[in-house]
């Protein structure tokens, strides 16, 4: 089964907590604080590979979490770093923020690790909080939380030449003739259900060919299979438009060409790509009327038309000569522009809610302060009060109307407000 678009959740590891510890040694009664720092959390890393061609592996595993950093220990020992989670994706996968649709990373280069989310920093141990007046701090910093994100993986095949056209016009047969690829070939519509890639070598020049599943009218609006695979045309340097010049199945090659071009234009700027037309099935064409009409329409537009037969290889050499001539002079596809590599740090904020029982303070900055406090230690409580002042919570409570004796609730703990 070919899967080229999935939504997954990723999370960086939390940083380890700092340690509260005091040096203990024979004949040393007060060795001072020696709590080590927490280890950093693991990163979320993506790696592109040539050995994968589908996102099928992500159909059932949709969550990827890096390991948390280990807590610090005594003796000033820092906790070990959490193990990063490495996720392998096919080359050409574009990673987007599921909420904003912004491009986070374009996995354009193989075996080049990309860190999408960095692990949280480890918290400081109590060794960092010793001062001349506070020589035995009984508290430490907690580790920073690792970021979580929902992302969309979109596979956009990377090829030099893309074969486009209506179903059953001979694209897969043509691919099998010019490359060593072995696509499924049958005389019915939608034989090809996913893009097939092959490498063509001609006159010392090699290039990648992609057989895009048949596009139908309305594909850009979700009709048929075309909409799912139009994204794969974005990566191609040039298009080879294959039409059934024989008019089999009562089709008109000129009208077919116009219909496909309308879908390419509706999807985006695909119509602007350099294009050559292969008038296929010449071996069963009864006359040259269709070919002459097609040339009369396209040649004034600067689009070359080559009569070929994929079944008998008639005209294939002339077609490949033209394709290689164009590709040699064309620039290579550039990666998509990445709007940012890592989401901005979560805003540290708080909110004050007034009720009949007093005031309630909540928010990310409050959670961080509370996690740092040992409420059984006076020095730690002083640190807690100072942190509330420095963060602006005390001033905000005063502006909200808090007075001496009012009850302030922070994470189910009640305190008495004092000026």
Protein backbone atom coordinates (compact mmCIF):
# COMPACT_ATOMS: atom_id res chain seq x y z
CA UNK A 1 0.00 0.00 0.00
CA UNK A 2 1.32 3.41 -0.95
CA UNK A 3 0.92 6.12 1.70
CA UNK A 4 2.21 9.63 1.00
CA UNK A 5 0.53 11.78 3.68
CA UNK A 6 0.21 11.14 7.43
CA UNK A 7 -0.23 13.11 10.64
CA UNK A 8 1.93 12.20 13.65
CA UNK A 9 2.76 13.55 17.11
CA UNK A 10 6.32 14.23 18.22
CA UNK A 11 7.69 15.22 21.62
CA UNK A 12 11.16 16.13 22.81
CA UNK A 13 12.40 14.68 26.11
CA UNK A 14 12.02 16.58 29.38
CA UNK A 15 15.17 17.80 31.08
CA UNK A 16 16.16 15.96 34.26
CA UNK A 17 15.60 17.61 37.63
CA UNK A 18 18.41 19.15 39.63
CA UNK A 19 19.42 17.29 42.79
CA UNK A 20 19.26 18.48 46.41
CA UNK A 21 22.23 16.95 48.17
CA UNK A 22 24.86 17.86 50.78
CA UNK A 23 28.39 16.56 50.90
CA UNK A 24 28.92 13.90 53.55
CA UNK A 25 32.38 12.72 54.51
CA UNK A 26 34.10 11.44 57.61
CA UNK A 27 35.40 14.30 59.80
CA UNK A 28 33.54 16.81 57.55
CA UNK A 29 30.38 17.94 59.32
CA UNK A 30 29.18 20.53 56.81
CA UNK A 31 30.51 19.80 53.33
CA UNK A 32 28.11 22.14 51.60
CA UNK A 33 25.62 21.53 48.77
CA UNK A 34 26.76 19.15 46.05
CA UNK A 35 23.56 18.38 44.13
CA UNK A 36 24.25 17.77 40.42
CA UNK A 37 22.34 19.18 37.45
CA UNK A 38 19.72 17.24 35.52
CA UNK A 39 20.58 15.84 32.10
CA UNK A 40 19.18 17.34 28.95
CA UNK A 41 16.18 15.66 27.30
CA UNK A 42 16.55 13.80 24.02
CA UNK A 43 15.91 15.50 20.67
CA UNK A 44 13.45 14.59 17.91
CA UNK A 45 15.53 13.88 14.80
CA UNK A 46 14.41 13.12 11.23
CA UNK A 47 16.62 11.41 8.63
CA UNK A 48 15.82 11.02 4.91
CA UNK A 49 16.59 7.70 3.24
CA UNK A 50 16.70 6.45 -0.35
CA UNK A 51 15.62 3.02 0.85
CA UNK A 52 12.09 4.14 1.76
CA UNK A 53 9.52 5.09 -0.88
CA UNK A 54 6.31 5.37 1.15
CA UNK A 55 5.06 6.57 4.53
CA UNK A 56 3.38 3.22 5.17
CA UNK A 57 5.41 2.72 8.37
CA UNK A 58 3.53 5.63 9.97
CA UNK A 59 0.03 4.22 9.48
CA UNK A 60 0.06 2.44 12.83
CA UNK A 61 2.78 4.18 14.83
CA UNK A 62 1.73 7.81 15.11
CA UNK A 63 3.57 9.01 18.24
CA UNK A 64 7.31 9.52 18.66
CA UNK A 65 8.78 10.62 22.00
CA UNK A 66 12.40 11.17 22.92
CA UNK A 67 13.71 9.96 26.27
CA UNK A 68 13.73 12.26 29.28
CA UNK A 69 17.04 13.36 30.78
CA UNK A 70 18.07 11.69 34.03
CA UNK A 71 17.99 13.58 37.32
CA UNK A 72 21.23 14.90 38.79
CA UNK A 73 22.79 13.03 41.72
CA UNK A 74 25.04 13.83 44.66
CA UNK A 75 28.72 14.57 44.26
CA UNK A 76 27.94 17.24 41.64
CA UNK A 77 27.19 14.51 39.09
CA UNK A 78 25.09 15.62 36.13
CA UNK A 79 22.34 13.28 34.96
CA UNK A 80 22.81 11.54 31.61
CA UNK A 81 21.23 13.00 28.48
CA UNK A 82 18.00 11.41 27.28
CA UNK A 83 18.26 9.32 24.12
CA UNK A 84 17.03 11.09 21.00
CA UNK A 85 14.35 9.51 18.82
CA UNK A 86 15.47 9.13 15.20
CA UNK A 87 12.68 8.87 12.65
CA UNK A 88 13.48 7.64 9.13
CA UNK A 89 11.40 9.11 6.29
CA UNK A 90 11.63 8.79 2.48
CA UNK A 91 13.69 11.33 0.60
CA UNK A 92 11.45 14.20 -0.48
CA UNK A 93 9.28 14.21 2.64
CA UNK A 94 8.09 17.68 3.68
CA UNK A 95 7.32 18.16 7.38
CA UNK A 96 4.65 20.76 8.18
CA UNK A 97 3.13 22.12 11.36
CA UNK A 98 -0.35 20.54 11.45
CA UNK A 99 -1.89 23.69 12.94
CA UNK A 100 -0.31 26.44 10.82
CA UNK A 101 0.70 24.43 7.68
CA UNK A 102 4.13 26.10 7.78
CA UNK A 103 7.08 24.11 6.45
CA UNK A 104 9.32 22.97 9.32
CA UNK A 105 11.74 20.87 7.29
CA UNK A 106 12.19 19.60 3.74
CA UNK A 107 13.98 16.23 3.86
CA UNK A 108 15.66 16.83 0.52
CA UNK A 109 19.08 15.36 1.31
CA UNK A 110 19.65 11.76 2.37
CA UNK A 111 21.51 10.75 5.54
CA UNK A 112 21.57 14.34 6.85
CA UNK A 113 19.99 14.36 10.35
CA UNK A 114 17.63 17.26 11.08
CA UNK A 115 16.78 18.16 14.67
CA UNK A 116 13.15 19.26 14.64
CA UNK A 117 12.61 19.60 18.39
CA UNK A 118 15.38 20.02 20.96
CA UNK A 119 15.16 18.35 24.35
CA UNK A 120 14.48 20.39 27.48
CA UNK A 121 17.43 21.73 29.46
CA UNK A 122 18.27 19.97 32.70
CA UNK A 123 17.54 21.80 35.98
CA UNK A 124 20.26 23.20 38.24
CA UNK A 125 21.22 21.27 41.37
CA UNK A 126 21.32 23.02 44.74
CA UNK A 127 25.08 23.61 44.36
CA UNK A 128 24.19 26.62 42.15
CA UNK A 129 22.07 28.34 44.83
CA UNK A 130 24.65 28.60 47.60
CA UNK A 131 25.60 32.16 48.62
CA UNK A 132 27.46 33.74 51.50
CA UNK A 133 24.18 34.19 53.41
CA UNK A 134 22.47 31.01 52.17
CA UNK A 135 25.01 28.24 52.56
CA UNK A 136 22.65 25.27 52.68
CA UNK A 137 19.95 25.71 49.98
CA UNK A 138 17.43 22.89 50.27
CA UNK A 139 15.93 23.26 46.81
CA UNK A 140 16.89 22.78 43.15
CA UNK A 141 15.55 23.63 39.71
CA UNK A 142 13.29 21.20 37.83
CA UNK A 143 14.11 20.23 34.27
CA UNK A 144 12.62 22.13 31.36
CA UNK A 145 9.64 20.45 29.70
CA UNK A 146 10.24 19.08 26.21
CA UNK A 147 8.10 20.56 23.44
CA UNK A 148 5.30 18.51 21.86
CA UNK A 149 4.02 19.11 18.35
CA UNK A 150 1.62 17.61 15.82
CA UNK A 151 3.09 17.51 12.32
CA UNK A 152 2.02 16.40 8.85
CA UNK A 153 4.42 14.36 6.71
CA UNK A 154 3.92 14.84 2.96
CA UNK A 155 5.93 12.80 0.50
CA UNK A 156 6.68 14.69 -2.71
CA UNK A 157 8.68 12.47 -5.08
CA UNK A 158 11.93 13.91 -6.39
CA UNK A 159 12.35 13.16 -10.11
CA UNK A 160 13.81 14.86 -13.18
CA UNK A 161 11.00 13.88 -15.56
CA UNK A 162 7.36 13.36 -14.66
CA UNK A 163 5.01 11.37 -16.93
CA UNK A 164 1.49 12.84 -16.86
CA UNK A 165 -1.68 12.12 -18.76
CA UNK A 166 -5.07 10.45 -18.62
CA UNK A 167 -5.40 6.85 -17.43
CA UNK A 168 -4.54 4.09 -19.92
CA UNK A 169 -2.57 6.27 -22.35
CA UNK A 170 0.60 4.18 -21.97
CA UNK A 171 2.66 6.00 -19.33
CA UNK A 172 3.63 2.82 -17.47
CA UNK A 173 4.56 1.06 -20.71
CA UNK A 174 6.72 4.04 -21.67
CA UNK A 175 8.41 3.96 -18.24
CA UNK A 176 9.19 0.25 -18.64
CA UNK A 177 10.75 0.92 -22.05
CA UNK A 178 13.04 3.81 -21.10
CA UNK A 179 14.05 2.53 -17.62
CA UNK A 180 14.56 -0.77 -15.83
CA UNK A 181 11.43 -0.20 -13.73
CA UNK A 182 8.79 -2.94 -13.84
CA UNK A 183 5.45 -1.22 -13.23
CA UNK A 184 2.16 -3.11 -13.36
CA UNK A 185 0.77 -2.82 -16.90
CA UNK A 186 -2.79 -3.71 -17.93
CA UNK A 187 -5.40 -2.48 -20.38
CA UNK A 188 -7.73 -0.84 -17.87
CA UNK A 189 -7.92 2.48 -16.06
CA UNK A 190 -5.99 3.14 -12.84
CA UNK A 191 -3.65 0.19 -13.22
CA UNK A 192 -1.06 2.48 -11.63
CA UNK A 193 -2.14 3.36 -8.09
CA UNK A 194 1.03 5.07 -6.91
CA UNK A 195 4.05 6.85 -8.45
CA UNK A 196 6.65 4.53 -9.96
CA UNK A 197 10.25 5.71 -10.22
CA UNK A 198 12.89 4.52 -12.66
CA UNK A 199 16.33 5.64 -13.83
CA UNK A 200 16.89 6.26 -17.52
CA UNK A 201 20.40 6.22 -18.99
CA UNK A 202 20.76 7.60 -22.50
CA UNK A 203 23.89 8.73 -24.34
CA UNK A 204 25.90 8.92 -21.09
CA UNK A 205 23.27 10.96 -19.25
CA UNK A 206 21.07 9.54 -16.49
CA UNK A 207 17.90 10.97 -14.98
CA UNK A 208 15.03 9.88 -12.75
CA UNK A 209 11.61 9.31 -14.32
CA UNK A 210 8.37 9.29 -12.31
CA UNK A 211 5.19 7.70 -13.62
CA UNK A 212 2.38 9.71 -12.00
CA UNK A 213 -0.99 7.87 -11.69
CA UNK A 214 -3.56 8.92 -14.27
CA UNK A 215 -5.09 12.35 -13.75
CA UNK A 216 -8.77 12.86 -14.57
CA UNK A 217 -10.91 15.94 -15.05
CA UNK A 218 -11.65 17.47 -11.66
CA UNK A 219 -8.53 15.98 -10.04
CA UNK A 220 -7.54 19.33 -8.56
CA UNK A 221 -10.90 19.32 -6.74
CA UNK A 222 -10.51 15.80 -5.34
CA UNK A 223 -12.03 13.69 -8.13
CA UNK A 224 -10.35 10.36 -8.91
CA UNK A 225 -6.80 9.53 -7.88
CA UNK A 226 -5.17 12.60 -9.42
CA UNK A 227 -5.56 14.98 -6.48
CA UNK A 228 -3.62 12.65 -4.19
CA UNK A 229 -0.67 12.57 -6.56
CA UNK A 230 -0.55 16.04 -8.10
CA UNK A 231 1.85 16.94 -5.27
CA UNK A 232 4.43 14.55 -6.76
CA UNK A 233 4.60 16.65 -9.93
CA UNK A 234 5.83 19.67 -7.92
CA UNK A 235 9.31 18.12 -7.58
CA UNK A 236 9.85 17.30 -11.27
CA UNK A 237 12.12 19.46 -13.39
CA UNK A 238 10.21 18.76 -16.60
CA UNK A 239 6.95 17.06 -17.67
CA UNK A 240 6.43 14.52 -20.42
CA UNK A 241 2.76 14.73 -21.33
CA UNK A 242 1.61 11.40 -22.80
CA UNK A 243 -1.53 11.39 -24.97
CA UNK A 244 -3.30 8.56 -26.81
CA UNK A 245 -2.93 9.77 -30.38
CA UNK A 246 -4.86 6.77 -31.77
CA UNK A 247 -8.12 8.08 -30.32
CA UNK A 248 -8.96 4.72 -28.79
CA UNK A 249 -11.81 4.65 -26.29
CA UNK A 250 -13.33 7.49 -28.35
CA UNK A 251 -10.94 10.02 -26.80
CA UNK A 252 -9.75 13.20 -28.49
CA UNK A 253 -6.02 13.80 -27.79
CA UNK A 254 -6.36 17.57 -28.21
CA UNK A 255 -9.22 17.79 -25.72
CA UNK A 256 -7.36 15.45 -23.36
CA UNK A 257 -4.31 17.71 -23.47
CA UNK A 258 -6.42 20.78 -22.63
CA UNK A 259 -8.17 18.97 -19.78
CA UNK A 260 -4.92 17.85 -18.13
CA UNK A 261 -3.41 21.33 -18.49
CA UNK A 262 -6.48 22.80 -16.79
CA UNK A 263 -5.96 20.48 -13.80
CA UNK A 264 -2.25 21.34 -13.58
CA UNK A 265 -3.08 25.03 -13.62
CA UNK A 266 -5.84 24.66 -11.02
CA UNK A 267 -3.48 22.88 -8.61
CA UNK A 268 -0.80 25.56 -8.74
CA UNK A 269 2.00 26.60 -11.07
CA UNK A 270 2.50 23.15 -12.55
CA UNK A 271 1.36 24.38 -15.98
CA UNK A 272 4.46 26.60 -16.16
CA UNK A 273 6.89 23.67 -16.13
CA UNK A 274 8.82 22.85 -19.29
CA UNK A 275 6.90 20.21 -21.23
CA UNK A 276 7.32 17.82 -24.14
CA UNK A 277 4.40 15.83 -25.55
CA UNK A 278 4.63 12.15 -26.47
CA UNK A 279 1.92 11.19 -28.97
CA UNK A 280 1.71 7.51 -28.01
CA UNK A 281 0.12 4.46 -29.66
CA UNK A 282 1.20 5.44 -33.17
CA UNK A 283 1.31 1.71 -34.01
CA UNK A 284 -2.49 1.51 -33.89
CA UNK A 285 -3.19 4.98 -35.28
CA UNK A 286 -5.18 4.70 -38.53
CA UNK A 287 -4.23 8.14 -39.90
CA UNK A 288 -2.31 11.30 -39.03
CA UNK A 289 -5.32 13.57 -38.48
CA UNK A 290 -5.05 13.62 -34.68
CA UNK A 291 -1.27 14.08 -34.83
CA UNK A 292 -1.54 16.98 -37.27
CA UNK A 293 -4.25 18.69 -35.15
CA UNK A 294 -2.14 18.29 -32.00
CA UNK A 295 0.99 19.69 -33.66
CA UNK A 296 -0.96 22.59 -35.12
CA UNK A 297 -2.12 23.52 -31.63
CA UNK A 298 1.08 22.98 -29.63
CA UNK A 299 4.02 23.83 -31.89
CA UNK A 300 3.07 27.54 -32.11
CA UNK A 301 3.14 27.47 -28.30
CA UNK A 302 6.74 26.18 -28.35
CA UNK A 303 5.74 22.67 -27.19
CA UNK A 304 7.42 19.88 -29.13
CA UNK A 305 5.35 16.83 -30.13
CA UNK A 306 7.03 13.44 -30.73
CA UNK A 307 5.07 10.56 -32.26
CA UNK A 308 6.01 7.33 -30.50
CA UNK A 309 4.84 3.82 -29.76
CA UNK A 310 5.84 2.52 -26.36
CA UNK A 311 4.69 -0.96 -27.39
CA UNK A 312 7.03 -1.16 -30.44
CA UNK A 313 9.65 1.47 -29.27
CA UNK A 314 8.96 3.48 -32.45
CA UNK A 315 10.28 7.06 -32.04
CA UNK A 316 11.69 6.45 -28.54
CA UNK A 317 15.24 7.50 -29.44
CA UNK A 318 14.12 10.84 -30.86
CA UNK A 319 12.02 11.45 -27.75
CA UNK A 320 14.89 10.64 -25.36
CA UNK A 321 17.26 12.84 -27.35
CA UNK A 322 14.91 15.78 -26.87
CA UNK A 323 14.38 15.03 -23.17
CA UNK A 324 18.11 14.79 -22.38
CA UNK A 325 18.81 17.95 -24.39
CA UNK A 326 16.35 19.91 -22.25
CA UNK A 327 17.35 18.38 -18.91
CA UNK A 328 21.05 19.07 -19.45
CA UNK A 329 20.29 22.80 -19.62
CA UNK A 330 17.77 22.99 -16.78
CA UNK A 331 18.54 23.86 -13.13
CA UNK A 332 17.93 21.27 -10.45
CA UNK A 333 14.94 21.49 -8.15
CA UNK A 334 15.55 23.45 -4.96
CA UNK A 335 14.12 22.44 -1.56
CA UNK A 336 11.01 24.19 -0.29
CA UNK A 337 11.66 27.30 1.76
CA UNK A 338 11.57 26.48 5.46
CA UNK A 339 9.79 29.14 7.46
CA UNK A 340 11.45 28.10 10.69
CA UNK A 341 13.31 25.11 12.05
CA UNK A 342 11.93 24.93 15.56
CA UNK A 343 8.78 26.35 17.11
CA UNK A 344 9.31 29.36 19.34
CA UNK A 345 9.60 28.60 23.07
CA UNK A 346 6.29 28.40 24.85
CA UNK A 347 5.35 31.75 26.34
CA UNK A 348 5.77 31.87 30.13
CA UNK A 349 2.54 33.42 31.36
CA UNK A 350 0.09 33.42 34.24
CA UNK A 351 -3.57 34.23 34.81
CA UNK A 352 -5.37 35.53 37.90
CA UNK A 353 -9.00 34.57 38.48
CA UNK A 354 -11.10 36.20 41.18
CA UNK A 355 -13.80 34.20 42.97
CA UNK A 356 -15.91 34.32 46.14
CA UNK A 357 -13.12 32.48 47.97
CA UNK A 358 -10.25 34.75 46.96
CA UNK A 359 -7.84 34.68 44.04
CA UNK A 360 -6.51 31.79 41.96
CA UNK A 361 -3.20 32.01 40.08
CA UNK A 362 -2.52 29.60 37.20
CA UNK A 363 -0.29 29.36 34.14
CA UNK A 364 2.96 27.88 32.85
CA UNK A 365 5.22 30.21 34.84
CA UNK A 366 3.40 29.26 38.07
CA UNK A 367 3.86 25.56 37.36
CA UNK A 368 7.58 26.13 36.83
CA UNK A 369 8.00 28.04 40.10
CA UNK A 370 6.06 25.52 42.18
CA UNK A 371 8.10 22.61 40.80
CA UNK A 372 11.24 24.34 42.10
CA UNK A 373 10.09 24.73 45.71
CA UNK A 374 10.57 22.58 48.80
CA UNK A 375 7.69 23.86 50.92
CA UNK A 376 9.14 22.31 54.07
CA UNK A 377 12.22 24.52 53.99
CA UNK A 378 12.27 28.21 54.98
CA UNK A 379 15.01 29.17 52.48
CA UNK A 380 13.05 27.51 49.72
CA UNK A 381 9.88 29.37 50.74
CA UNK A 382 11.78 32.65 50.60
CA UNK A 383 12.93 31.71 47.09
CA UNK A 384 9.28 30.98 46.23
CA UNK A 385 8.13 34.42 47.42
CA UNK A 386 10.97 36.18 45.59
CA UNK A 387 10.12 34.31 42.39
CA UNK A 388 6.49 35.41 42.64
CA UNK A 389 7.62 39.02 42.99
CA UNK A 390 10.14 38.89 40.14
CA UNK A 391 7.59 37.31 37.79
CA UNK A 392 5.10 40.13 38.49
CA UNK A 393 2.48 37.89 40.13
CA UNK A 394 2.44 39.85 43.41
CA UNK A 395 1.94 43.16 41.58
CA UNK A 396 -0.78 41.61 39.42
CA UNK A 397 -2.60 40.33 42.51
CA UNK A 398 -2.44 43.80 44.04
CA UNK A 399 -3.86 45.36 40.86
CA UNK A 400 -6.63 42.75 40.87
CA UNK A 401 -7.67 43.98 44.31
CA UNK A 402 -5.96 41.54 46.67
CA UNK A 403 -5.49 42.85 50.21
CA UNK A 404 -3.87 41.61 53.43
CA UNK A 405 -5.54 38.44 54.61
CA UNK A 406 -7.12 37.47 51.26
CA UNK A 407 -6.77 33.83 50.19
CA UNK A 408 -4.59 33.09 47.20
CA UNK A 409 -4.79 29.58 45.65
CA UNK A 410 -1.87 28.18 43.67
CA UNK A 411 -2.17 24.58 42.47
CA UNK A 412 -4.63 23.58 45.20
CA UNK A 413 -2.43 25.16 47.87
CA UNK A 414 -3.82 28.15 49.78
CA UNK A 415 -1.73 31.09 50.93
CA UNK A 416 -2.56 34.31 52.76
CA UNK A 417 -1.79 37.44 50.81
CA UNK A 418 0.44 39.92 52.67
CA UNK A 419 1.74 43.28 51.49
